[in-house]
Amino acid sequence: MAYAVETRTHNPATMLREELDKAERLAVILDGQNIVEFLETLDRIDQMFAELSQTMDLRPESARWQSLLNRLTSKPGTVVSAARKAGGLARLRAQHPPATGLWWHLDAELARRRRTALKRIALTLAAIVVIAGGVIWGLNTFFPPDPNTVLLVDTTSQVQQLVMNQQWEEALQVVKEAQQTLPDEPELLIWESVLAHHLGREEQAQQALARAQERLADQPVQFWLAVGNTRLQAGDLEGAAQAAQQIIAMDPNEPQGYFLMGSVAEAQGDVPTAIQMFDRTSTLAAEQGNPQLEVIAKVRMGNLLQRAVALPTPAGELTNTQTITP
């Protein structure tokens, strides 16, 4: 009996399966306490495949390994969020060299997906602006624009450009200058709140948000929608998701809430959730007679469905060693 235990303990395939068991258990609930253990377990599994794949039939283990990797790459935010509580992946890479496995670099992948998603969102908004441009031109031609409206439009345009360039302090200064003329404009107050939060000025952020909410007290859904979209433009995905949840809690049939949630999920790289949210948006928009939102949601969903087809890699086509050269 003792011999059987000894054989099981030192059997390389058994050790590989035990490491896979451990990684799968840790992946269920990742946090700052177990993230390093999880990443190092993945390193050991990767090394075992490199050493054993030439001499052993590891097809069952390969399928489990591929499934685990697919989970990580489909939702990189899970690992990034847990690592942030331990100082961030960049710090962990420095502490645990060589850290070449793709799991050590999911922050870069998440950032890339967010940039792609935000660019896609910007293109969608740009298309809407182009369509609206003709209407605005007609209005400007036959009805002189209000100076305050012109100031607001110019200010938000400048701020959005500065935010895209990550010039947070400069963006806040543009907002404050416009507030000398429009001190109670909710859109500017929301931008002030978002920018101040990004700069770590929480008291200023909360005060500006409260003032904006007071001025839109009779339009709570529109308030949270403006907050969510502004946070999304600034890359505050957690804050944007909270705003979307507020909208859905107030009105479970408000399509804009699901559209915002879908945009957040897309920016996070969570394609299945984004597809689900855009599908819900299009259904509700159709029921409520909002064809513009219905079409936009369907287009976004269609683009994601095309991407989703290419996401999973068949288990039988596993490449055992997956690394990133620093």
C-alpha atoms as a PDB file:
ATOM      1  CA  MET A   1       0.000   0.000   0.000  1.00  0.00           C
ATOM      2  CA  ALA A   2       2.855   2.333   0.859  1.00  0.00           C
ATOM      3  CA  TYR A   3       4.385   1.570  -2.515  1.00  0.00           C
ATOM      4  CA  ALA A   4       1.142   2.593  -4.261  1.00  0.00           C
ATOM      5  CA  VAL A   5       1.111   5.923  -2.429  1.00  0.00           C
ATOM      6  CA  GLU A   6       4.734   6.556  -3.322  1.00  0.00           C
ATOM      7  CA  THR A   7       4.092   5.785  -6.991  1.00  0.00           C
ATOM      8  CA  ARG A   8       1.090   8.077  -7.139  1.00  0.00           C
ATOM      9  CA  THR A   9       2.957  10.899  -5.456  1.00  0.00           C
ATOM     10  CA  HIS A  10       5.911  10.851  -7.827  1.00  0.00           C
ATOM     11  CA  ASN A  11       4.097  10.023 -11.052  1.00  0.00           C
ATOM     12  CA  PRO A  12       4.674  13.082 -13.301  1.00  0.00           C
ATOM     13  CA  ALA A  13       1.231  12.850 -14.894  1.00  0.00           C
ATOM     14  CA  THR A  14      -0.396  12.675 -11.470  1.00  0.00           C
ATOM     15  CA  MET A  15       1.576  15.703 -10.318  1.00  0.00           C
ATOM     16  CA  LEU A  16       0.432  17.583 -13.425  1.00  0.00           C
ATOM     17  CA  ARG A  17      -3.200  16.706 -12.726  1.00  0.00           C
ATOM     18  CA  GLU A  18      -2.803  17.840  -9.113  1.00  0.00           C
ATOM     19  CA  GLU A  19      -1.432  21.188 -10.273  1.00  0.00           C
ATOM     20  CA  LEU A  20      -4.352  21.528 -12.701  1.00  0.00           C
ATOM     21  CA  ASP A  21      -6.758  20.735  -9.854  1.00  0.00           C
ATOM     22  CA  LYS A  22      -5.122  23.423  -7.756  1.00  0.00           C
ATOM     23  CA  ALA A  23      -5.221  26.034 -10.525  1.00  0.00           C
ATOM     24  CA  GLU A  24      -8.890  25.333 -11.255  1.00  0.00           C
ATOM     25  CA  ARG A  25      -9.782  25.690  -7.576  1.00  0.00           C
ATOM     26  CA  LEU A  26      -7.878  28.954  -7.220  1.00  0.00           C
ATOM     27  CA  ALA A  27      -9.428  30.352 -10.407  1.00  0.00           C
ATOM     28  CA  VAL A  28     -12.893  30.177  -8.862  1.00  0.00           C
ATOM     29  CA  ILE A  29     -12.178  33.030  -6.423  1.00  0.00           C
ATOM     30  CA  LEU A  30      -9.045  35.036  -7.154  1.00  0.00           C
ATOM     31  CA  ASP A  31      -7.957  37.815  -4.803  1.00  0.00           C
ATOM     32  CA  GLY A  32      -4.866  39.600  -3.600  1.00  0.00           C
ATOM     33  CA  GLN A  33      -4.042  36.766  -1.210  1.00  0.00           C
ATOM     34  CA  ASN A  34      -3.868  33.913  -3.708  1.00  0.00           C
ATOM     35  CA  ILE A  35      -3.042  35.580  -7.026  1.00  0.00           C
ATOM     36  CA  VAL A  36       0.725  34.937  -6.809  1.00  0.00           C
ATOM     37  CA  GLU A  37       0.130  31.298  -5.893  1.00  0.00           C
ATOM     38  CA  PHE A  38      -2.209  30.999  -8.868  1.00  0.00           C
ATOM     39  CA  LEU A  39       0.247  32.566 -11.334  1.00  0.00           C
ATOM     40  CA  GLU A  40       3.136  30.425 -10.093  1.00  0.00           C
ATOM     41  CA  THR A  41       0.950  27.328 -10.356  1.00  0.00           C
ATOM     42  CA  LEU A  42       0.327  28.196 -14.000  1.00  0.00           C
ATOM     43  CA  ASP A  43       4.089  28.530 -14.495  1.00  0.00           C
ATOM     44  CA  ARG A  44       4.626  25.025 -13.094  1.00  0.00           C
ATOM     45  CA  ILE A  45       1.883  23.563 -15.286  1.00  0.00           C
ATOM     46  CA  ASP A  46       3.383  25.209 -18.356  1.00  0.00           C
ATOM     47  CA  GLN A  47       6.814  23.816 -17.484  1.00  0.00           C
ATOM     48  CA  MET A  48       5.398  20.325 -16.908  1.00  0.00           C
ATOM     49  CA  PHE A  49       3.785  20.312 -20.341  1.00  0.00           C
ATOM     50  CA  ALA A  50       7.074  21.382 -21.898  1.00  0.00           C
ATOM     51  CA  GLU A  51       8.893  18.513 -20.172  1.00  0.00           C
ATOM     52  CA  LEU A  52       6.301  15.740 -20.504  1.00  0.00           C
ATOM     53  CA  SER A  53       4.514  16.331 -23.803  1.00  0.00           C
ATOM     54  CA  GLN A  54       7.242  14.598 -25.833  1.00  0.00           C
ATOM     55  CA  THR A  55       7.088  11.345 -23.868  1.00  0.00           C
ATOM     56  CA  MET A  56       3.509  11.071 -22.554  1.00  0.00           C
ATOM     57  CA  ASP A  57      -0.033  11.205 -23.918  1.00  0.00           C
ATOM     58  CA  LEU A  58      -1.434  14.305 -22.214  1.00  0.00           C
ATOM     59  CA  ARG A  59      -4.555  14.874 -24.290  1.00  0.00           C
ATOM     60  CA  PRO A  60      -6.989  14.894 -21.316  1.00  0.00           C
ATOM     61  CA  GLU A  61      -4.704  17.212 -19.357  1.00  0.00           C
ATOM     62  CA  SER A  62      -4.197  19.390 -22.445  1.00  0.00           C
ATOM     63  CA  ALA A  63      -7.951  19.845 -22.774  1.00  0.00           C
ATOM     64  CA  ARG A  64      -8.182  21.021 -19.153  1.00  0.00           C
ATOM     65  CA  TRP A  65      -5.207  23.344 -19.618  1.00  0.00           C
ATOM     66  CA  GLN A  66      -6.670  24.865 -22.766  1.00  0.00           C
ATOM     67  CA  SER A  67     -10.016  25.360 -21.035  1.00  0.00           C
ATOM     68  CA  LEU A  68      -8.283  27.180 -18.185  1.00  0.00           C
ATOM     69  CA  LEU A  69      -6.315  29.389 -20.585  1.00  0.00           C
ATOM     70  CA  ASN A  70      -9.481  30.204 -22.520  1.00  0.00           C
ATOM     71  CA  ARG A  71     -11.114  31.346 -19.288  1.00  0.00           C
ATOM     72  CA  LEU A  72      -8.183  33.637 -18.549  1.00  0.00           C
ATOM     73  CA  THR A  73      -8.013  35.180 -22.007  1.00  0.00           C
ATOM     74  CA  SER A  74     -11.776  35.612 -22.330  1.00  0.00           C
ATOM     75  CA  LYS A  75     -11.970  37.471 -19.004  1.00  0.00           C
ATOM     76  CA  PRO A  76      -8.514  38.969 -18.311  1.00  0.00           C
ATOM     77  CA  GLY A  77     -10.056  41.474 -15.929  1.00  0.00           C
ATOM     78  CA  THR A  78     -10.464  38.743 -13.301  1.00  0.00           C
ATOM     79  CA  VAL A  79      -6.708  38.240 -12.977  1.00  0.00           C
ATOM     80  CA  VAL A  80      -5.915  41.941 -13.376  1.00  0.00           C
ATOM     81  CA  SER A  81      -8.370  42.905 -10.634  1.00  0.00           C
ATOM     82  CA  ALA A  82      -6.958  40.332  -8.208  1.00  0.00           C
ATOM     83  CA  ALA A  83      -3.379  41.342  -9.026  1.00  0.00           C
ATOM     84  CA  ARG A  84      -4.218  45.002  -8.438  1.00  0.00           C
ATOM     85  CA  LYS A  85      -4.936  44.140  -4.797  1.00  0.00           C
ATOM     86  CA  ALA A  86      -1.406  42.732  -4.556  1.00  0.00           C
ATOM     87  CA  GLY A  87       0.266  45.742  -6.155  1.00  0.00           C
ATOM     88  CA  GLY A  88      -0.523  45.118  -9.826  1.00  0.00           C
ATOM     89  CA  LEU A  89       0.827  42.709 -12.421  1.00  0.00           C
ATOM     90  CA  ALA A  90       3.739  44.991 -13.326  1.00  0.00           C
ATOM     91  CA  ARG A  91       4.985  44.834  -9.747  1.00  0.00           C
ATOM     92  CA  LEU A  92       4.390  41.089  -9.522  1.00  0.00           C
ATOM     93  CA  ARG A  93       6.330  40.514 -12.745  1.00  0.00           C
ATOM     94  CA  ALA A  94       9.286  42.371 -11.278  1.00  0.00           C
ATOM     95  CA  GLN A  95       9.081  40.323  -8.077  1.00  0.00           C
ATOM     96  CA  HIS A  96       8.750  36.954  -9.814  1.00  0.00           C
ATOM     97  CA  PRO A  97      10.984  36.891 -12.903  1.00  0.00           C
ATOM     98  CA  PRO A  98      11.069  35.830 -15.669  1.00  0.00           C
ATOM     99  CA  ALA A  99       7.236  36.005 -15.690  1.00  0.00           C
ATOM    100  CA  THR A 100       6.971  35.251 -19.408  1.00  0.00           C
ATOM    101  CA  GLY A 101       3.692  33.320 -19.347  1.00  0.00           C
ATOM    102  CA  LEU A 102       0.773  35.114 -20.948  1.00  0.00           C
ATOM    103  CA  TRP A 103      -1.031  35.099 -17.568  1.00  0.00           C
ATOM    104  CA  TRP A 104       1.590  37.513 -16.196  1.00  0.00           C
ATOM    105  CA  HIS A 105       0.760  39.969 -18.999  1.00  0.00           C
ATOM    106  CA  LEU A 106      -3.033  40.007 -18.968  1.00  0.00           C
ATOM    107  CA  ASP A 107      -2.967  43.670 -17.912  1.00  0.00           C
ATOM    108  CA  ALA A 108      -1.466  44.572 -21.288  1.00  0.00           C
ATOM    109  CA  GLU A 109      -4.066  42.447 -23.069  1.00  0.00           C
ATOM    110  CA  LEU A 110      -6.892  44.045 -21.093  1.00  0.00           C
ATOM    111  CA  ALA A 111      -5.562  47.532 -21.847  1.00  0.00           C
ATOM    112  CA  ARG A 112      -5.367  46.667 -25.549  1.00  0.00           C
ATOM    113  CA  ARG A 113      -8.959  45.423 -25.571  1.00  0.00           C
ATOM    114  CA  ARG A 114     -10.144  48.496 -23.728  1.00  0.00           C
ATOM    115  CA  ARG A 115      -8.444  50.783 -26.229  1.00  0.00           C
ATOM    116  CA  THR A 116     -10.005  48.853 -29.096  1.00  0.00           C
ATOM    117  CA  ALA A 117     -13.452  48.925 -27.501  1.00  0.00           C
ATOM    118  CA  LEU A 118     -13.220  52.620 -26.678  1.00  0.00           C
ATOM    119  CA  LYS A 119     -12.137  53.396 -30.241  1.00  0.00           C
ATOM    120  CA  ARG A 120     -15.123  51.419 -31.497  1.00  0.00           C
ATOM    121  CA  ILE A 121     -17.408  53.347 -29.169  1.00  0.00           C
ATOM    122  CA  ALA A 122     -15.854  56.601 -30.355  1.00  0.00           C
ATOM    123  CA  LEU A 123     -16.486  55.625 -33.985  1.00  0.00           C
ATOM    124  CA  THR A 124     -20.114  54.863 -33.166  1.00  0.00           C
ATOM    125  CA  LEU A 125     -20.495  58.231 -31.493  1.00  0.00           C
ATOM    126  CA  ALA A 126     -18.744  59.900 -34.405  1.00  0.00           C
ATOM    127  CA  ALA A 127     -21.231  58.356 -36.821  1.00  0.00           C
ATOM    128  CA  ILE A 128     -24.072  59.720 -34.732  1.00  0.00           C
ATOM    129  CA  VAL A 129     -22.408  63.136 -34.714  1.00  0.00           C
ATOM    130  CA  VAL A 130     -22.075  63.089 -38.507  1.00  0.00           C
ATOM    131  CA  ILE A 131     -25.766  62.285 -38.887  1.00  0.00           C
ATOM    132  CA  ALA A 132     -26.680  64.978 -36.411  1.00  0.00           C
ATOM    133  CA  GLY A 133     -24.313  67.407 -38.099  1.00  0.00           C
ATOM    134  CA  GLY A 134     -26.698  68.051 -40.963  1.00  0.00           C
ATOM    135  CA  VAL A 135     -29.485  68.851 -38.546  1.00  0.00           C
ATOM    136  CA  ILE A 136     -27.233  71.142 -36.543  1.00  0.00           C
ATOM    137  CA  TRP A 137     -26.067  72.894 -39.714  1.00  0.00           C
ATOM    138  CA  GLY A 138     -29.672  73.620 -40.642  1.00  0.00           C
ATOM    139  CA  LEU A 139     -30.456  74.902 -37.190  1.00  0.00           C
ATOM    140  CA  ASN A 140     -27.357  77.102 -37.156  1.00  0.00           C
ATOM    141  CA  THR A 141     -28.222  78.450 -40.598  1.00  0.00           C
ATOM    142  CA  PHE A 142     -31.810  79.385 -39.859  1.00  0.00           C
ATOM    143  CA  PHE A 143     -31.664  79.845 -36.087  1.00  0.00           C
ATOM    144  CA  PRO A 144     -28.583  81.493 -34.509  1.00  0.00           C
ATOM    145  CA  PRO A 145     -27.146  79.204 -31.793  1.00  0.00           C
ATOM    146  CA  ASP A 146     -27.230  80.107 -28.133  1.00  0.00           C
ATOM    147  CA  PRO A 147     -23.741  81.232 -26.982  1.00  0.00           C
ATOM    148  CA  ASN A 148     -23.929  79.066 -23.875  1.00  0.00           C
ATOM    149  CA  THR A 149     -24.776  76.015 -25.970  1.00  0.00           C
ATOM    150  CA  VAL A 150     -21.812  76.725 -28.233  1.00  0.00           C
ATOM    151  CA  LEU A 151     -19.549  77.056 -25.189  1.00  0.00           C
ATOM    152  CA  LEU A 152     -20.789  73.750 -23.759  1.00  0.00           C
ATOM    153  CA  VAL A 153     -20.296  71.872 -27.029  1.00  0.00           C
ATOM    154  CA  ASP A 154     -16.820  73.336 -27.565  1.00  0.00           C
ATOM    155  CA  THR A 155     -15.823  72.577 -23.973  1.00  0.00           C
ATOM    156  CA  THR A 156     -16.946  68.950 -24.015  1.00  0.00           C
ATOM    157  CA  SER A 157     -15.205  68.432 -27.351  1.00  0.00           C
ATOM    158  CA  GLN A 158     -11.937  69.797 -25.939  1.00  0.00           C
ATOM    159  CA  VAL A 159     -12.271  67.740 -22.774  1.00  0.00           C
ATOM    160  CA  GLN A 160     -12.914  64.516 -24.687  1.00  0.00           C
ATOM    161  CA  GLN A 161      -9.808  65.060 -26.794  1.00  0.00           C
ATOM    162  CA  LEU A 162      -7.678  65.792 -23.726  1.00  0.00           C
ATOM    163  CA  VAL A 163      -9.020  62.683 -21.986  1.00  0.00           C
ATOM    164  CA  MET A 164      -8.111  60.537 -24.993  1.00  0.00           C
ATOM    165  CA  ASN A 165      -4.571  61.906 -24.629  1.00  0.00           C
ATOM    166  CA  GLN A 166      -4.711  61.280 -20.850  1.00  0.00           C
ATOM    167  CA  GLN A 167      -4.190  64.981 -20.114  1.00  0.00           C
ATOM    168  CA  TRP A 168      -6.368  64.885 -17.009  1.00  0.00           C
ATOM    169  CA  GLU A 169      -5.220  68.086 -15.318  1.00  0.00           C
ATOM    170  CA  GLU A 170      -5.574  70.092 -18.518  1.00  0.00           C
ATOM    171  CA  ALA A 171      -9.054  68.670 -19.095  1.00  0.00           C
ATOM    172  CA  LEU A 172     -10.162  69.668 -15.617  1.00  0.00           C
ATOM    173  CA  GLN A 173      -8.814  73.178 -16.167  1.00  0.00           C
ATOM    174  CA  VAL A 174     -10.904  73.502 -19.364  1.00  0.00           C
ATOM    175  CA  VAL A 175     -13.988  72.457 -17.397  1.00  0.00           C
ATOM    176  CA  LYS A 176     -13.300  74.951 -14.606  1.00  0.00           C
ATOM    177  CA  GLU A 177     -12.861  77.776 -17.104  1.00  0.00           C
ATOM    178  CA  ALA A 178     -16.204  76.982 -18.740  1.00  0.00           C
ATOM    179  CA  GLN A 179     -17.859  76.823 -15.326  1.00  0.00           C
ATOM    180  CA  GLN A 180     -17.097  80.501 -14.827  1.00  0.00           C
ATOM    181  CA  THR A 181     -19.848  81.087 -17.407  1.00  0.00           C
ATOM    182  CA  LEU A 182     -21.909  77.927 -16.777  1.00  0.00           C
ATOM    183  CA  PRO A 183     -21.478  77.184 -13.050  1.00  0.00           C
ATOM    184  CA  ASP A 184     -24.601  75.019 -12.776  1.00  0.00           C
ATOM    185  CA  GLU A 185     -24.372  73.046 -16.013  1.00  0.00           C
ATOM    186  CA  PRO A 186     -24.858  69.338 -15.068  1.00  0.00           C
ATOM    187  CA  GLU A 187     -22.711  68.017 -17.921  1.00  0.00           C
ATOM    188  CA  LEU A 188     -19.737  70.109 -16.794  1.00  0.00           C
ATOM    189  CA  LEU A 189     -20.280  69.132 -13.166  1.00  0.00           C
ATOM    190  CA  ILE A 190     -20.257  65.461 -14.140  1.00  0.00           C
ATOM    191  CA  TRP A 191     -17.042  65.944 -16.074  1.00  0.00           C
ATOM    192  CA  GLU A 192     -15.544  67.736 -13.079  1.00  0.00           C
ATOM    193  CA  SER A 193     -16.504  64.796 -10.866  1.00  0.00           C
ATOM    194  CA  VAL A 194     -15.017  62.201 -13.218  1.00  0.00           C
ATOM    195  CA  LEU A 195     -11.777  64.103 -13.777  1.00  0.00           C
ATOM    196  CA  ALA A 196     -11.327  64.942 -10.093  1.00  0.00           C
ATOM    197  CA  HIS A 197     -11.854  61.273  -9.214  1.00  0.00           C
ATOM    198  CA  HIS A 198      -9.180  60.260 -11.704  1.00  0.00           C
ATOM    199  CA  LEU A 199      -6.794  62.783 -10.144  1.00  0.00           C
ATOM    200  CA  GLY A 200      -7.507  61.414  -6.661  1.00  0.00           C
ATOM    201  CA  ARG A 201      -9.470  64.468  -5.469  1.00  0.00           C
ATOM    202  CA  GLU A 202     -12.373  62.548  -3.998  1.00  0.00           C
ATOM    203  CA  GLU A 203     -13.948  65.374  -2.012  1.00  0.00           C
ATOM    204  CA  GLN A 204     -14.129  67.586  -5.104  1.00  0.00           C
ATOM    205  CA  ALA A 205     -15.453  64.662  -7.144  1.00  0.00           C
ATOM    206  CA  GLN A 206     -18.245  63.888  -4.685  1.00  0.00           C
ATOM    207  CA  GLN A 207     -19.266  67.526  -4.330  1.00  0.00           C
ATOM    208  CA  ALA A 208     -19.475  68.037  -8.096  1.00  0.00           C
ATOM    209  CA  LEU A 209     -21.451  64.813  -8.530  1.00  0.00           C
ATOM    210  CA  ALA A 210     -23.901  65.822  -5.808  1.00  0.00           C
ATOM    211  CA  ARG A 211     -24.454  69.233  -7.426  1.00  0.00           C
ATOM    212  CA  ALA A 212     -25.102  67.612 -10.802  1.00  0.00           C
ATOM    213  CA  GLN A 213     -27.552  65.180  -9.239  1.00  0.00           C
ATOM    214  CA  GLU A 214     -29.431  68.054  -7.594  1.00  0.00           C
ATOM    215  CA  ARG A 215     -29.869  69.766 -10.947  1.00  0.00           C
ATOM    216  CA  LEU A 216     -31.148  66.581 -12.567  1.00  0.00           C
ATOM    217  CA  ALA A 217     -33.246  65.461  -9.608  1.00  0.00           C
ATOM    218  CA  ASP A 218     -36.324  65.108 -11.823  1.00  0.00           C
ATOM    219  CA  GLN A 219     -34.386  63.024 -14.393  1.00  0.00           C
ATOM    220  CA  PRO A 220     -32.572  60.324 -12.386  1.00  0.00           C
ATOM    221  CA  VAL A 221     -32.148  57.938 -15.323  1.00  0.00           C
ATOM    222  CA  GLN A 222     -30.665  60.667 -17.521  1.00  0.00           C
ATOM    223  CA  PHE A 223     -28.367  61.691 -14.676  1.00  0.00           C
ATOM    224  CA  TRP A 224     -26.913  58.200 -14.230  1.00  0.00           C
ATOM    225  CA  LEU A 225     -26.739  57.700 -17.980  1.00  0.00           C
ATOM    226  CA  ALA A 226     -24.661  60.872 -18.324  1.00  0.00           C
ATOM    227  CA  VAL A 227     -22.471  59.792 -15.408  1.00  0.00           C
ATOM    228  CA  GLY A 228     -21.974  56.314 -16.855  1.00  0.00           C
ATOM    229  CA  ASN A 229     -21.123  57.484 -20.363  1.00  0.00           C
ATOM    230  CA  THR A 230     -18.715  60.109 -19.054  1.00  0.00           C
ATOM    231  CA  ARG A 231     -16.973  57.583 -16.815  1.00  0.00           C
ATOM    232  CA  LEU A 232     -16.772  55.181 -19.744  1.00  0.00           C
ATOM    233  CA  GLN A 233     -15.109  57.812 -21.930  1.00  0.00           C
ATOM    234  CA  ALA A 234     -12.570  58.400 -19.160  1.00  0.00           C
ATOM    235  CA  GLY A 235     -11.836  54.677 -18.832  1.00  0.00           C
ATOM    236  CA  ASP A 236     -13.452  54.294 -15.396  1.00  0.00           C
ATOM    237  CA  LEU A 237     -15.136  50.998 -16.230  1.00  0.00           C
ATOM    238  CA  GLU A 238     -16.016  50.114 -12.653  1.00  0.00           C
ATOM    239  CA  GLY A 239     -17.691  53.486 -12.145  1.00  0.00           C
ATOM    240  CA  ALA A 240     -19.534  53.198 -15.461  1.00  0.00           C
ATOM    241  CA  ALA A 241     -20.820  49.747 -14.482  1.00  0.00           C
ATOM    242  CA  GLN A 242     -22.091  51.136 -11.182  1.00  0.00           C
ATOM    243  CA  ALA A 243     -23.980  53.853 -13.057  1.00  0.00           C
ATOM    244  CA  ALA A 244     -25.527  51.259 -15.379  1.00  0.00           C
ATOM    245  CA  GLN A 245     -26.627  49.209 -12.380  1.00  0.00           C
ATOM    246  CA  GLN A 246     -28.277  52.302 -10.903  1.00  0.00           C
ATOM    247  CA  ILE A 247     -30.266  52.798 -14.122  1.00  0.00           C
ATOM    248  CA  ILE A 248     -31.377  49.170 -14.306  1.00  0.00           C
ATOM    249  CA  ALA A 249     -32.329  49.193 -10.615  1.00  0.00           C
ATOM    250  CA  MET A 250     -34.551  52.238 -11.171  1.00  0.00           C
ATOM    251  CA  ASP A 251     -36.077  50.917 -14.393  1.00  0.00           C
ATOM    252  CA  PRO A 252     -35.402  47.283 -15.402  1.00  0.00           C
ATOM    253  CA  ASN A 253     -36.871  48.035 -18.834  1.00  0.00           C
ATOM    254  CA  GLU A 254     -34.635  51.007 -19.659  1.00  0.00           C
ATOM    255  CA  PRO A 255     -32.643  49.934 -22.753  1.00  0.00           C
ATOM    256  CA  GLN A 256     -29.981  52.610 -22.228  1.00  0.00           C
ATOM    257  CA  GLY A 257     -28.964  50.928 -18.970  1.00  0.00           C
ATOM    258  CA  TYR A 258     -28.285  47.640 -20.733  1.00  0.00           C
ATOM    259  CA  PHE A 259     -26.528  49.412 -23.600  1.00  0.00           C
ATOM    260  CA  LEU A 260     -24.191  51.088 -21.115  1.00  0.00           C
ATOM    261  CA  MET A 261     -23.587  47.782 -19.346  1.00  0.00           C
ATOM    262  CA  GLY A 262     -22.822  46.158 -22.694  1.00  0.00           C
ATOM    263  CA  SER A 263     -20.332  48.901 -23.555  1.00  0.00           C
ATOM    264  CA  VAL A 264     -18.575  48.360 -20.230  1.00  0.00           C
ATOM    265  CA  ALA A 265     -18.450  44.591 -20.723  1.00  0.00           C
ATOM    266  CA  GLU A 266     -17.046  45.058 -24.225  1.00  0.00           C
ATOM    267  CA  ALA A 267     -14.339  47.390 -22.913  1.00  0.00           C
ATOM    268  CA  GLN A 268     -13.482  44.787 -20.250  1.00  0.00           C
ATOM    269  CA  GLY A 269     -13.130  42.073 -22.865  1.00  0.00           C
ATOM    270  CA  ASP A 270     -16.169  40.175 -21.558  1.00  0.00           C
ATOM    271  CA  VAL A 271     -17.642  39.389 -24.974  1.00  0.00           C
ATOM    272  CA  PRO A 272     -20.424  36.976 -23.847  1.00  0.00           C
ATOM    273  CA  THR A 273     -21.835  39.496 -21.365  1.00  0.00           C
ATOM    274  CA  ALA A 274     -21.570  42.328 -23.890  1.00  0.00           C
ATOM    275  CA  ILE A 275     -23.505  40.295 -26.472  1.00  0.00           C
ATOM    276  CA  GLN A 276     -26.188  39.505 -23.901  1.00  0.00           C
ATOM    277  CA  MET A 277     -26.534  43.156 -22.890  1.00  0.00           C
ATOM    278  CA  PHE A 278     -26.725  44.449 -26.483  1.00  0.00           C
ATOM    279  CA  ASP A 279     -29.307  41.785 -27.315  1.00  0.00           C
ATOM    280  CA  ARG A 280     -31.404  42.923 -24.361  1.00  0.00           C
ATOM    281  CA  THR A 281     -30.962  46.538 -25.477  1.00  0.00           C
ATOM    282  CA  SER A 282     -32.186  45.883 -29.011  1.00  0.00           C
ATOM    283  CA  THR A 283     -35.221  43.955 -27.738  1.00  0.00           C
ATOM    284  CA  LEU A 284     -36.286  46.689 -25.325  1.00  0.00           C
ATOM    285  CA  ALA A 285     -35.547  49.461 -27.822  1.00  0.00           C
ATOM    286  CA  ALA A 286     -37.755  47.740 -30.403  1.00  0.00           C
ATOM    287  CA  GLU A 287     -40.564  47.321 -27.889  1.00  0.00           C
ATOM    288  CA  GLN A 288     -40.357  50.996 -26.904  1.00  0.00           C
ATOM    289  CA  GLY A 289     -40.175  52.417 -30.417  1.00  0.00           C
ATOM    290  CA  ASN A 290     -36.525  53.513 -30.389  1.00  0.00           C
ATOM    291  CA  PRO A 291     -35.270  52.310 -33.806  1.00  0.00           C
ATOM    292  CA  GLN A 292     -31.984  54.243 -33.644  1.00  0.00           C
ATOM    293  CA  LEU A 293     -30.863  52.541 -30.440  1.00  0.00           C
ATOM    294  CA  GLU A 294     -32.163  49.201 -31.703  1.00  0.00           C
ATOM    295  CA  VAL A 295     -30.010  49.414 -34.837  1.00  0.00           C
ATOM    296  CA  ILE A 296     -26.901  50.568 -32.978  1.00  0.00           C
ATOM    297  CA  ALA A 297     -27.245  47.739 -30.436  1.00  0.00           C
ATOM    298  CA  LYS A 298     -27.692  45.157 -33.198  1.00  0.00           C
ATOM    299  CA  VAL A 299     -24.624  46.432 -35.048  1.00  0.00           C
ATOM    300  CA  ARG A 300     -22.516  46.273 -31.884  1.00  0.00           C
ATOM    301  CA  MET A 301     -23.848  42.788 -31.123  1.00  0.00           C
ATOM    302  CA  GLY A 302     -23.148  41.606 -34.675  1.00  0.00           C
ATOM    303  CA  ASN A 303     -19.545  42.804 -34.495  1.00  0.00           C
ATOM    304  CA  LEU A 304     -19.053  40.981 -31.203  1.00  0.00           C
ATOM    305  CA  LEU A 305     -20.613  37.770 -32.515  1.00  0.00           C
ATOM    306  CA  GLN A 306     -18.088  37.772 -35.346  1.00  0.00           C
ATOM    307  CA  ARG A 307     -15.268  38.198 -32.839  1.00  0.00           C
ATOM    308  CA  ALA A 308     -16.688  35.539 -30.513  1.00  0.00           C
ATOM    309  CA  VAL A 309     -16.496  32.902 -33.241  1.00  0.00           C
ATOM    310  CA  ALA A 310     -12.730  33.301 -33.281  1.00  0.00           C
ATOM    311  CA  LEU A 311     -12.207  33.361 -29.504  1.00  0.00           C
ATOM    312  CA  PRO A 312     -12.232  29.676 -28.401  1.00  0.00           C
ATOM    313  CA  THR A 313      -9.377  27.440 -29.530  1.00  0.00           C
ATOM    314  CA  PRO A 314     -10.287  23.746 -29.973  1.00  0.00           C
ATOM    315  CA  ALA A 315      -8.842  21.697 -27.132  1.00  0.00           C
ATOM    316  CA  GLY A 316      -7.104  19.349 -29.551  1.00  0.00           C
ATOM    317  CA  GLU A 317      -5.072  22.185 -31.047  1.00  0.00           C
ATOM    318  CA  LEU A 318      -3.333  23.217 -27.844  1.00  0.00           C
ATOM    319  CA  THR A 319       0.105  24.703 -27.960  1.00  0.00           C
ATOM    320  CA  ASN A 320       1.555  23.553 -24.667  1.00  0.00           C
ATOM    321  CA  THR A 321       3.981  26.355 -24.014  1.00  0.00           C
ATOM    322  CA  GLN A 322       2.557  29.878 -24.320  1.00  0.00           C
ATOM    323  CA  THR A 323       4.942  32.662 -23.421  1.00  0.00           C
ATOM    324  CA  ILE A 324       5.484  36.324 -24.068  1.00  0.00           C
ATOM    325  CA  THR A 325       8.944  37.682 -24.659  1.00  0.00           C
ATOM    326  CA  PRO A 326       9.425  40.769 -22.461  1.00  0.00           C
END
